Protein backbone atom coordinates (compact mmCIF):
# COMPACT_ATOMS: atom_id res chain seq x y z
CA MET A 1 -14.04 -0.33 5.07
CA LEU A 2 -12.44 -1.72 1.51
CA ALA A 3 -14.30 -4.85 1.94
CA LYS A 4 -17.25 -1.72 0.80
CA VAL A 5 -14.87 -0.27 -2.16
CA PRO A 6 -14.86 -2.73 -5.74
CA PRO A 7 -11.19 -4.28 -5.47
CA GLY A 8 -8.84 -2.71 -7.39
CA ARG A 9 -5.56 -4.08 -8.99
CA ILE A 10 -3.30 -2.67 -6.94
CA CYS A 11 -2.74 -1.18 -3.77
CA LEU A 12 -0.39 1.61 -2.85
CA ALA A 13 0.02 1.84 0.33
CA ASP A 14 2.33 2.88 3.52
CA THR A 15 4.61 1.08 6.29
CA ALA A 16 1.66 1.49 8.73
CA TYR A 17 -0.25 -1.32 6.87
CA ASP A 18 2.28 -3.54 6.68
CA ALA A 19 -0.11 -6.84 7.97
CA LYS A 20 -0.69 -9.50 7.53
CA GLY A 21 -4.47 -9.52 7.44
CA LEU A 22 -4.04 -6.14 5.47
CA ARG A 23 -1.73 -8.82 2.59
CA GLN A 24 -4.21 -11.16 2.75
CA PHE A 25 -7.05 -9.66 2.43
CA LEU A 26 -6.00 -7.96 -1.00
CA ALA A 27 -4.58 -10.91 -1.95
CA ASN A 28 -7.63 -12.72 -1.76
CA ARG A 29 -10.07 -9.86 -3.25
CA GLY A 30 -6.86 -10.07 -6.59
CA THR A 31 -5.39 -6.61 -6.23
CA ARG A 32 -1.62 -6.84 -5.61
CA PRO A 33 -0.25 -4.98 -2.55
CA VAL A 34 2.26 -2.03 -2.78
CA ILE A 35 3.35 -1.56 0.90
CA PRO A 36 7.19 -1.39 1.87
CA ASN A 37 7.79 -3.31 4.73
CA SER A 38 8.45 -2.44 8.53
CA PRO A 39 11.63 -2.53 9.52
CA THR A 40 10.25 -4.79 12.59
CA ARG A 41 9.46 -7.28 9.16
CA LYS A 42 11.06 -10.60 10.22
CA HIS A 43 9.80 -12.02 6.61
CA PRO A 44 9.94 -9.44 4.39
CA HIS A 45 7.23 -9.05 0.88
CA PRO A 46 8.32 -7.47 -2.65
CA PHE A 47 7.09 -4.14 -3.05
CA ASP A 48 7.76 -2.14 -6.75
CA SER A 49 9.89 1.10 -5.60
CA ARG A 50 8.75 2.58 -8.50
CA LEU A 51 4.85 2.52 -8.27
CA TYR A 52 4.99 3.12 -4.16
CA ARG A 53 7.19 6.49 -5.49
CA GLY A 54 4.04 7.58 -7.67
CA ARG A 55 2.19 7.15 -4.77
CA ASN A 56 4.41 9.30 -2.79
CA GLN A 57 4.49 12.28 -5.31
CA ILE A 58 0.86 12.38 -4.44
CA GLU A 59 1.08 12.23 -1.12
CA ARG A 60 3.22 15.41 -1.17
CA THR A 61 1.54 17.19 -3.87
CA ILE A 62 -1.35 17.04 -1.31
CA GLY A 63 0.19 18.35 1.34
CA HIS A 64 1.69 21.22 -0.34
CA LEU A 65 -1.93 22.04 -1.41
CA LYS A 66 -2.92 21.83 1.84
CA ASP A 67 -0.96 24.46 3.23
């Protein structure tokens, strides 16, 4: 599904999307992944925690609106 969307500068995603294939796909498109590392990852990747906090804040706000 991501292949049909124009590439962005960054991709904010949850830990569930911490996969080597997704990271490689994003890198090939010129998109910087902002994905926290899975606790089982042996070789952690750096990520911008400040940007990730913004993503989490948006997710919580949408959750409150749904309630």
